[in-house]
N, C-alpha and C. Protein backbone atom coordinates (compact mmCIF):
# COMPACT_ATOMS: atom_id res chain seq x y z
N MET A 1 -3.13 52.82 -89.63
CA MET A 1 -3.97 51.73 -89.34
C MET A 1 -3.50 50.55 -90.17
N ILE A 2 -3.53 49.42 -89.51
CA ILE A 2 -3.09 48.17 -90.14
C ILE A 2 -4.33 47.30 -90.23
N SER A 3 -4.52 46.75 -91.38
CA SER A 3 -5.68 45.91 -91.57
C SER A 3 -5.22 44.51 -91.86
N LEU A 4 -5.73 43.62 -91.15
CA LEU A 4 -5.43 42.20 -91.36
C LEU A 4 -6.76 41.49 -91.59
N GLY A 5 -7.30 41.60 -92.56
CA GLY A 5 -8.58 41.00 -92.88
C GLY A 5 -9.66 41.75 -92.16
N THR A 6 -10.35 41.12 -91.31
CA THR A 6 -11.42 41.78 -90.58
C THR A 6 -10.90 42.48 -89.34
N LEU A 7 -9.67 42.27 -89.03
CA LEU A 7 -9.07 42.89 -87.85
C LEU A 7 -8.40 44.17 -88.28
N HIS A 8 -8.72 45.29 -87.62
CA HIS A 8 -8.13 46.58 -87.92
C HIS A 8 -7.39 47.05 -86.68
N LEU A 9 -6.16 47.36 -86.82
CA LEU A 9 -5.35 47.83 -85.71
C LEU A 9 -4.84 49.22 -86.03
N GLU A 10 -4.88 50.04 -84.98
CA GLU A 10 -4.33 51.37 -85.14
C GLU A 10 -3.07 51.42 -84.35
N LEU A 11 -2.04 51.86 -84.96
CA LEU A 11 -0.73 51.88 -84.35
C LEU A 11 -0.66 52.89 -83.23
N GLY A 12 -1.21 54.03 -83.28
CA GLY A 12 -1.20 55.06 -82.25
C GLY A 12 -1.93 54.58 -81.02
N THR A 13 -3.06 53.99 -81.20
CA THR A 13 -3.84 53.50 -80.07
C THR A 13 -3.10 52.36 -79.40
N MET A 14 -2.50 51.56 -80.21
CA MET A 14 -1.74 50.44 -79.66
C MET A 14 -0.57 50.95 -78.84
N LEU A 15 0.09 51.94 -79.30
CA LEU A 15 1.23 52.50 -78.60
C LEU A 15 0.79 53.12 -77.30
N VAL A 16 -0.30 53.85 -77.27
CA VAL A 16 -0.81 54.48 -76.05
C VAL A 16 -1.24 53.38 -75.07
N GLN A 17 -1.87 52.38 -75.57
CA GLN A 17 -2.30 51.29 -74.72
C GLN A 17 -1.09 50.57 -74.13
N LEU A 18 -0.03 50.40 -74.92
CA LEU A 18 1.19 49.75 -74.42
C LEU A 18 1.83 50.60 -73.35
N ILE A 19 1.91 51.90 -73.56
CA ILE A 19 2.51 52.80 -72.57
C ILE A 19 1.64 52.79 -71.31
N CYS A 20 0.34 52.85 -71.45
CA CYS A 20 -0.57 52.81 -70.28
C CYS A 20 -0.40 51.48 -69.54
N PHE A 21 -0.28 50.43 -70.28
CA PHE A 21 -0.10 49.12 -69.66
C PHE A 21 1.19 49.07 -68.87
N LEU A 22 2.30 49.56 -69.47
CA LEU A 22 3.60 49.55 -68.79
C LEU A 22 3.58 50.45 -67.55
N VAL A 23 2.97 51.62 -67.63
CA VAL A 23 2.88 52.52 -66.48
C VAL A 23 2.04 51.86 -65.39
N LEU A 24 0.95 51.25 -65.81
CA LEU A 24 0.10 50.57 -64.84
C LEU A 24 0.85 49.42 -64.17
N MET A 25 1.63 48.70 -64.92
CA MET A 25 2.43 47.59 -64.38
C MET A 25 3.47 48.12 -63.40
N TRP A 26 4.07 49.25 -63.79
CA TRP A 26 5.07 49.85 -62.89
C TRP A 26 4.41 50.32 -61.60
N LEU A 27 3.26 50.94 -61.66
CA LEU A 27 2.53 51.41 -60.49
C LEU A 27 2.09 50.22 -59.61
N VAL A 28 1.59 49.20 -60.25
CA VAL A 28 1.18 48.00 -59.50
C VAL A 28 2.39 47.39 -58.83
N ALA A 29 3.52 47.28 -59.57
CA ALA A 29 4.73 46.70 -58.99
C ALA A 29 5.22 47.57 -57.85
N LYS A 30 5.16 48.87 -57.99
CA LYS A 30 5.70 49.79 -56.99
C LYS A 30 4.81 49.84 -55.76
N PHE A 31 3.52 49.99 -55.94
CA PHE A 31 2.65 50.23 -54.79
C PHE A 31 1.83 49.02 -54.34
N ALA A 32 1.54 48.10 -55.18
CA ALA A 32 0.69 46.98 -54.79
C ALA A 32 1.50 45.70 -54.60
N MET A 33 2.45 45.43 -55.46
CA MET A 33 3.19 44.18 -55.41
C MET A 33 4.16 44.15 -54.25
N LYS A 34 4.82 45.29 -53.95
CA LYS A 34 5.79 45.29 -52.85
C LYS A 34 5.10 44.96 -51.54
N PRO A 35 4.01 45.66 -51.19
CA PRO A 35 3.34 45.30 -49.93
C PRO A 35 2.77 43.87 -49.95
N ALA A 36 2.24 43.47 -51.11
CA ALA A 36 1.70 42.10 -51.21
C ALA A 36 2.81 41.09 -51.03
N MET A 37 3.95 41.33 -51.64
CA MET A 37 5.09 40.41 -51.51
C MET A 37 5.60 40.42 -50.07
N LYS A 38 5.58 41.63 -49.42
CA LYS A 38 6.02 41.70 -48.03
C LYS A 38 5.08 40.89 -47.15
N VAL A 39 3.77 41.00 -47.37
CA VAL A 39 2.79 40.24 -46.61
C VAL A 39 3.02 38.75 -46.83
N LEU A 40 3.23 38.35 -48.07
CA LEU A 40 3.48 36.93 -48.39
C LEU A 40 4.78 36.45 -47.73
N LYS A 41 5.83 37.32 -47.78
CA LYS A 41 7.10 36.94 -47.18
C LYS A 41 6.96 36.83 -45.66
N ASP A 42 6.23 37.81 -45.06
CA ASP A 42 6.00 37.74 -43.61
C ASP A 42 5.21 36.47 -43.25
N ARG A 43 4.23 36.18 -44.08
CA ARG A 43 3.42 34.97 -43.85
C ARG A 43 4.29 33.73 -43.96
N GLN A 44 5.18 33.70 -44.93
CA GLN A 44 6.09 32.55 -45.11
C GLN A 44 7.02 32.44 -43.91
N ASN A 45 7.56 33.58 -43.44
CA ASN A 45 8.44 33.56 -42.26
C ASN A 45 7.69 33.06 -41.03
N TYR A 46 6.44 33.53 -40.87
CA TYR A 46 5.62 33.09 -39.74
C TYR A 46 5.39 31.58 -39.80
N ILE A 47 5.06 31.08 -40.98
CA ILE A 47 4.83 29.63 -41.15
C ILE A 47 6.11 28.85 -40.87
N ASP A 48 7.24 29.35 -41.40
CA ASP A 48 8.53 28.68 -41.14
C ASP A 48 8.84 28.68 -39.64
N HIS A 49 8.58 29.81 -38.99
CA HIS A 49 8.82 29.90 -37.55
C HIS A 49 7.91 28.92 -36.79
N GLN A 50 6.65 28.83 -37.18
CA GLN A 50 5.71 27.90 -36.53
C GLN A 50 6.15 26.45 -36.74
N ILE A 51 6.61 26.15 -37.95
CA ILE A 51 7.08 24.79 -38.23
C ILE A 51 8.30 24.47 -37.38
N SER A 52 9.25 25.40 -37.31
CA SER A 52 10.46 25.13 -36.51
C SER A 52 10.11 25.05 -35.02
N SER A 53 9.15 25.88 -34.56
CA SER A 53 8.70 25.80 -33.17
C SER A 53 8.04 24.46 -32.89
N ALA A 54 7.22 24.02 -33.84
CA ALA A 54 6.54 22.73 -33.68
C ALA A 54 7.56 21.59 -33.65
N GLU A 55 8.55 21.65 -34.55
CA GLU A 55 9.59 20.62 -34.55
C GLU A 55 10.38 20.64 -33.25
N SER A 56 10.70 21.85 -32.77
CA SER A 56 11.42 21.99 -31.51
C SER A 56 10.59 21.44 -30.35
N ALA A 57 9.30 21.78 -30.33
CA ALA A 57 8.41 21.27 -29.28
C ALA A 57 8.28 19.76 -29.37
N ASN A 58 8.22 19.25 -30.59
CA ASN A 58 8.14 17.80 -30.79
C ASN A 58 9.39 17.12 -30.27
N GLN A 59 10.56 17.69 -30.57
CA GLN A 59 11.81 17.12 -30.08
C GLN A 59 11.87 17.19 -28.56
N GLU A 60 11.44 18.31 -27.99
CA GLU A 60 11.42 18.46 -26.54
C GLU A 60 10.47 17.44 -25.91
N ALA A 61 9.31 17.25 -26.54
CA ALA A 61 8.35 16.27 -26.02
C ALA A 61 8.93 14.86 -26.09
N ALA A 62 9.61 14.55 -27.20
CA ALA A 62 10.24 13.23 -27.33
C ALA A 62 11.32 13.06 -26.27
N LYS A 63 12.06 14.13 -26.02
CA LYS A 63 13.11 14.08 -24.99
C LYS A 63 12.49 13.85 -23.62
N LEU A 64 11.40 14.56 -23.31
CA LEU A 64 10.72 14.40 -22.02
C LEU A 64 10.13 12.99 -21.88
N VAL A 65 9.57 12.49 -22.97
CA VAL A 65 9.03 11.12 -22.94
C VAL A 65 10.14 10.13 -22.63
N GLU A 66 11.29 10.30 -23.26
CA GLU A 66 12.43 9.40 -23.01
C GLU A 66 12.91 9.53 -21.57
N GLU A 67 12.97 10.76 -21.06
CA GLU A 67 13.38 10.97 -19.66
C GLU A 67 12.39 10.30 -18.72
N GLN A 68 11.09 10.46 -19.00
CA GLN A 68 10.07 9.83 -18.16
C GLN A 68 10.16 8.31 -18.23
N ARG A 69 10.44 7.78 -19.41
CA ARG A 69 10.58 6.33 -19.55
C ARG A 69 11.77 5.83 -18.74
N GLN A 70 12.89 6.57 -18.83
CA GLN A 70 14.08 6.19 -18.06
C GLN A 70 13.82 6.31 -16.56
N LEU A 71 13.13 7.37 -16.16
CA LEU A 71 12.80 7.56 -14.75
C LEU A 71 11.89 6.44 -14.25
N LEU A 72 10.91 6.08 -15.06
CA LEU A 72 10.01 4.98 -14.70
C LEU A 72 10.78 3.67 -14.59
N GLU A 73 11.68 3.44 -15.53
CA GLU A 73 12.48 2.21 -15.49
C GLU A 73 13.37 2.18 -14.26
N SER A 74 14.02 3.30 -13.95
CA SER A 74 14.87 3.34 -12.75
C SER A 74 14.02 3.19 -11.49
N THR A 75 12.83 3.75 -11.47
CA THR A 75 11.94 3.60 -10.33
C THR A 75 11.52 2.14 -10.17
N ARG A 76 11.23 1.49 -11.28
CA ARG A 76 10.88 0.06 -11.22
C ARG A 76 12.04 -0.76 -10.68
N LYS A 77 13.26 -0.46 -11.16
CA LYS A 77 14.43 -1.19 -10.67
C LYS A 77 14.64 -0.94 -9.18
N GLU A 78 14.46 0.31 -8.77
CA GLU A 78 14.64 0.67 -7.36
C GLU A 78 13.59 -0.04 -6.50
N ALA A 79 12.35 -0.07 -6.97
CA ALA A 79 11.29 -0.76 -6.23
C ALA A 79 11.59 -2.25 -6.14
N HIS A 80 12.05 -2.83 -7.24
CA HIS A 80 12.42 -4.25 -7.24
C HIS A 80 13.56 -4.51 -6.25
N ALA A 81 14.55 -3.61 -6.23
CA ALA A 81 15.67 -3.76 -5.30
C ALA A 81 15.20 -3.65 -3.86
N ILE A 82 14.29 -2.71 -3.60
CA ILE A 82 13.76 -2.54 -2.24
C ILE A 82 12.99 -3.80 -1.83
N LEU A 83 12.17 -4.32 -2.74
CA LEU A 83 11.43 -5.55 -2.43
C LEU A 83 12.37 -6.72 -2.18
N GLU A 84 13.40 -6.83 -2.99
CA GLU A 84 14.37 -7.91 -2.82
C GLU A 84 15.10 -7.76 -1.49
N GLN A 85 15.47 -6.53 -1.15
CA GLN A 85 16.15 -6.28 0.12
C GLN A 85 15.23 -6.61 1.29
N ALA A 86 13.96 -6.23 1.19
CA ALA A 86 12.99 -6.54 2.24
C ALA A 86 12.81 -8.05 2.39
N LYS A 87 12.78 -8.75 1.26
CA LYS A 87 12.64 -10.21 1.29
C LYS A 87 13.85 -10.84 1.97
N GLN A 88 15.04 -10.36 1.64
CA GLN A 88 16.25 -10.90 2.27
C GLN A 88 16.25 -10.60 3.76
N GLN A 89 15.84 -9.38 4.13
CA GLN A 89 15.79 -9.02 5.54
C GLN A 89 14.77 -9.90 6.27
N LYS A 90 13.63 -10.14 5.63
CA LYS A 90 12.62 -11.01 6.21
C LYS A 90 13.18 -12.41 6.43
N ASP A 91 13.91 -12.93 5.45
CA ASP A 91 14.51 -14.26 5.58
C ASP A 91 15.53 -14.28 6.72
N ARG A 92 16.37 -13.23 6.79
CA ARG A 92 17.37 -13.16 7.86
C ARG A 92 16.70 -13.11 9.23
N GLU A 93 15.70 -12.24 9.35
CA GLU A 93 15.01 -12.11 10.63
C GLU A 93 14.27 -13.40 10.98
N GLY A 94 13.69 -14.05 9.98
CA GLY A 94 13.02 -15.33 10.22
C GLY A 94 14.01 -16.37 10.71
N ASP A 95 15.17 -16.42 10.07
CA ASP A 95 16.21 -17.36 10.51
C ASP A 95 16.67 -17.04 11.93
N GLN A 96 16.81 -15.75 12.24
CA GLN A 96 17.23 -15.37 13.58
C GLN A 96 16.18 -15.77 14.61
N ILE A 97 14.91 -15.55 14.28
CA ILE A 97 13.82 -15.92 15.19
C ILE A 97 13.80 -17.43 15.40
N ILE A 98 13.95 -18.18 14.32
CA ILE A 98 13.96 -19.64 14.43
C ILE A 98 15.15 -20.09 15.27
N HIS A 99 16.31 -19.50 15.01
CA HIS A 99 17.52 -19.87 15.77
C HIS A 99 17.33 -19.55 17.25
N ALA A 100 16.78 -18.37 17.56
CA ALA A 100 16.55 -17.98 18.95
C ALA A 100 15.55 -18.94 19.60
N ALA A 101 14.50 -19.32 18.87
CA ALA A 101 13.50 -20.24 19.41
C ALA A 101 14.13 -21.61 19.66
N GLN A 102 14.99 -22.06 18.75
CA GLN A 102 15.67 -23.35 18.95
C GLN A 102 16.57 -23.30 20.17
N GLU A 103 17.31 -22.20 20.33
CA GLU A 103 18.18 -22.06 21.50
C GLU A 103 17.35 -22.05 22.78
N ARG A 104 16.24 -21.33 22.77
CA ARG A 104 15.38 -21.28 23.95
C ARG A 104 14.81 -22.66 24.25
N ALA A 105 14.38 -23.37 23.21
CA ALA A 105 13.84 -24.72 23.40
C ALA A 105 14.92 -25.64 23.98
N GLU A 106 16.15 -25.50 23.48
CA GLU A 106 17.23 -26.32 24.01
C GLU A 106 17.48 -25.98 25.48
N ARG A 107 17.46 -24.68 25.83
CA ARG A 107 17.66 -24.29 27.22
C ARG A 107 16.55 -24.84 28.11
N VAL A 108 15.29 -24.71 27.63
CA VAL A 108 14.16 -25.23 28.39
C VAL A 108 14.30 -26.74 28.56
N MET A 109 14.72 -27.43 27.48
CA MET A 109 14.89 -28.89 27.53
C MET A 109 15.99 -29.26 28.52
N LYS A 110 17.12 -28.54 28.48
CA LYS A 110 18.21 -28.80 29.41
C LYS A 110 17.77 -28.55 30.85
N ASP A 111 17.05 -27.42 31.04
CA ASP A 111 16.55 -27.12 32.38
C ASP A 111 15.60 -28.20 32.87
N ALA A 112 14.70 -28.65 31.98
CA ALA A 112 13.75 -29.69 32.35
C ALA A 112 14.47 -30.99 32.67
N LEU A 113 15.46 -31.34 31.84
CA LEU A 113 16.22 -32.57 32.11
C LEU A 113 16.98 -32.46 33.42
N ALA A 114 17.56 -31.28 33.70
CA ALA A 114 18.27 -31.08 34.96
C ALA A 114 17.30 -31.18 36.14
N GLU A 115 16.10 -30.60 35.99
CA GLU A 115 15.12 -30.68 37.06
C GLU A 115 14.66 -32.11 37.28
N ILE A 116 14.47 -32.83 36.17
CA ILE A 116 14.10 -34.25 36.27
C ILE A 116 15.19 -35.03 36.99
N GLU A 117 16.43 -34.76 36.61
CA GLU A 117 17.55 -35.46 37.24
C GLU A 117 17.61 -35.12 38.73
N ASN A 118 17.40 -33.84 39.08
CA ASN A 118 17.39 -33.45 40.50
C ASN A 118 16.25 -34.15 41.25
N GLU A 119 15.07 -34.19 40.65
CA GLU A 119 13.94 -34.87 41.28
C GLU A 119 14.21 -36.35 41.42
N LYS A 120 14.86 -36.92 40.44
CA LYS A 120 15.20 -38.35 40.49
C LYS A 120 16.17 -38.60 41.65
N ILE A 121 17.18 -37.72 41.77
CA ILE A 121 18.17 -37.87 42.85
C ILE A 121 17.47 -37.72 44.21
N LYS A 122 16.57 -36.72 44.32
CA LYS A 122 15.83 -36.54 45.56
C LYS A 122 14.97 -37.77 45.88
N ALA A 123 14.29 -38.29 44.84
CA ALA A 123 13.43 -39.46 45.04
C ALA A 123 14.25 -40.66 45.49
N ILE A 124 15.42 -40.85 44.87
CA ILE A 124 16.28 -41.98 45.26
C ILE A 124 16.76 -41.80 46.69
N ALA A 125 17.12 -40.54 47.04
CA ALA A 125 17.58 -40.29 48.40
C ALA A 125 16.45 -40.54 49.39
N GLU A 126 15.24 -40.08 49.07
CA GLU A 126 14.11 -40.31 49.96
C GLU A 126 13.80 -41.79 50.07
N LEU A 127 13.90 -42.48 48.92
CA LEU A 127 13.65 -43.94 48.92
C LEU A 127 14.67 -44.65 49.78
N ARG A 128 15.92 -44.23 49.70
CA ARG A 128 16.95 -44.85 50.52
C ARG A 128 16.67 -44.61 52.01
N GLU A 129 16.28 -43.37 52.32
CA GLU A 129 15.95 -43.07 53.70
C GLU A 129 14.78 -43.93 54.17
N GLU A 130 13.78 -44.04 53.32
CA GLU A 130 12.60 -44.85 53.65
C GLU A 130 12.96 -46.31 53.82
N VAL A 131 13.79 -46.82 52.89
CA VAL A 131 14.22 -48.23 52.97
C VAL A 131 15.05 -48.44 54.23
N GLY A 132 15.92 -47.45 54.52
CA GLY A 132 16.72 -47.56 55.74
C GLY A 132 15.84 -47.60 56.97
N ALA A 133 14.85 -46.69 57.02
CA ALA A 133 13.94 -46.65 58.17
C ALA A 133 13.15 -47.93 58.28
N LEU A 134 12.70 -48.44 57.13
CA LEU A 134 11.94 -49.70 57.14
C LEU A 134 12.81 -50.87 57.58
N SER A 135 14.06 -50.84 57.13
CA SER A 135 14.99 -51.92 57.54
C SER A 135 15.20 -51.89 59.04
N VAL A 136 15.33 -50.69 59.59
CA VAL A 136 15.53 -50.56 61.04
C VAL A 136 14.28 -51.06 61.76
N GLN A 137 13.10 -50.71 61.28
CA GLN A 137 11.86 -51.17 61.90
C GLN A 137 11.74 -52.68 61.81
N LEU A 138 12.10 -53.23 60.64
CA LEU A 138 12.02 -54.67 60.45
C LEU A 138 12.98 -55.37 61.39
N ALA A 139 14.18 -54.84 61.51
CA ALA A 139 15.17 -55.47 62.39
C ALA A 139 14.71 -55.39 63.84
N SER A 140 14.12 -54.27 64.23
CA SER A 140 13.67 -54.15 65.61
C SER A 140 12.53 -55.11 65.91
N LYS A 141 11.64 -55.33 64.96
CA LYS A 141 10.54 -56.27 65.15
C LYS A 141 11.07 -57.69 65.23
N ILE A 142 12.09 -57.94 64.39
CA ILE A 142 12.66 -59.30 64.40
C ILE A 142 13.35 -59.53 65.74
N ILE A 143 14.02 -58.56 66.23
CA ILE A 143 14.75 -58.70 67.48
C ILE A 143 13.76 -58.82 68.65
N GLU A 144 12.64 -58.10 68.60
CA GLU A 144 11.66 -58.17 69.66
C GLU A 144 11.15 -59.59 69.84
N LYS A 145 10.96 -60.21 68.75
CA LYS A 145 10.42 -61.57 68.82
C LYS A 145 11.49 -62.51 68.33
N GLU A 146 11.86 -63.40 69.16
CA GLU A 146 12.80 -64.44 68.75
C GLU A 146 11.94 -65.61 68.31
N VAL A 147 11.94 -65.82 67.07
CA VAL A 147 11.11 -66.89 66.55
C VAL A 147 11.92 -67.74 65.62
N ASP A 148 11.37 -68.87 65.26
CA ASP A 148 12.06 -69.76 64.33
C ASP A 148 11.93 -69.22 62.91
N ALA A 149 12.49 -69.90 61.96
CA ALA A 149 12.58 -69.42 60.58
C ALA A 149 11.22 -69.26 59.95
N SER A 150 10.28 -70.16 60.18
CA SER A 150 8.96 -70.06 59.56
C SER A 150 8.18 -68.91 60.17
N ALA A 151 8.31 -68.68 61.46
CA ALA A 151 7.63 -67.55 62.09
C ALA A 151 8.24 -66.24 61.63
N GLN A 152 9.58 -66.28 61.46
CA GLN A 152 10.28 -65.06 60.97
C GLN A 152 9.81 -64.72 59.57
N ARG A 153 9.62 -65.74 58.73
CA ARG A 153 9.16 -65.53 57.37
C ARG A 153 7.76 -64.92 57.40
N GLY A 154 6.88 -65.39 58.20
CA GLY A 154 5.53 -64.87 58.34
C GLY A 154 5.54 -63.43 58.82
N LEU A 155 6.44 -63.14 59.79
CA LEU A 155 6.57 -61.78 60.31
C LEU A 155 7.02 -60.81 59.22
N ILE A 156 7.98 -61.24 58.39
CA ILE A 156 8.48 -60.40 57.28
C ILE A 156 7.38 -60.16 56.28
N ASP A 157 6.60 -61.20 55.95
CA ASP A 157 5.51 -61.04 54.99
C ASP A 157 4.46 -60.07 55.51
N ASP A 158 4.10 -60.18 56.81
CA ASP A 158 3.13 -59.27 57.40
C ASP A 158 3.65 -57.82 57.34
N PHE A 159 4.92 -57.66 57.67
CA PHE A 159 5.52 -56.33 57.67
C PHE A 159 5.53 -55.73 56.28
N LEU A 160 5.89 -56.55 55.29
CA LEU A 160 5.91 -56.06 53.88
C LEU A 160 4.51 -55.68 53.43
N GLN A 161 3.49 -56.37 53.86
CA GLN A 161 2.12 -56.03 53.49
C GLN A 161 1.75 -54.67 54.12
N GLN A 162 2.14 -54.47 55.37
CA GLN A 162 1.85 -53.21 56.03
C GLN A 162 2.59 -52.06 55.35
N VAL A 163 3.86 -52.28 55.06
CA VAL A 163 4.69 -51.26 54.45
C VAL A 163 4.30 -51.04 52.99
N GLY A 164 3.89 -52.09 52.29
CA GLY A 164 3.51 -51.99 50.89
C GLY A 164 2.39 -50.99 50.70
N GLY A 165 1.53 -50.84 51.63
CA GLY A 165 0.44 -49.86 51.53
C GLY A 165 0.97 -48.44 51.62
N ARG A 166 2.09 -48.19 52.23
CA ARG A 166 2.65 -46.84 52.40
C ARG A 166 3.53 -46.44 51.21
N ILE A 167 4.10 -47.38 50.50
CA ILE A 167 5.03 -47.06 49.40
C ILE A 167 4.28 -46.85 48.17
């Protein structure tokens, strides 16, 4: 026994306690610590796997977002191109319609002018025939009556008044 003032230590008890402690530590290390460490290691592996899966999923999601953004952008460009093409086609078709309408108007105008010219020629021909017939009638009336110049003038005036009502 060792005495240090009020503290008394027994060497035999201390030795037995040390041996019991070491055996207990060995038993705990052998049977309790190994499974506990395995559980902790498995838990760490599971957490690492979850983190890497989450990072992989995050990268995949970022990749999909980028693909969707590019797809949306290409769709917008395609829609813009389709609209632009439709606008150009509308302009072309509008120009064609206007051109066709102008050509038709010109044809109608030419036809109308030709018809007017034909009617004018017919009217002139009819007028000539009428004037010729009137001249023949006037000459026959003048020949029927042999009169002096003043009577002839009166006869012509009377005839023109009669004929003037018909023209």
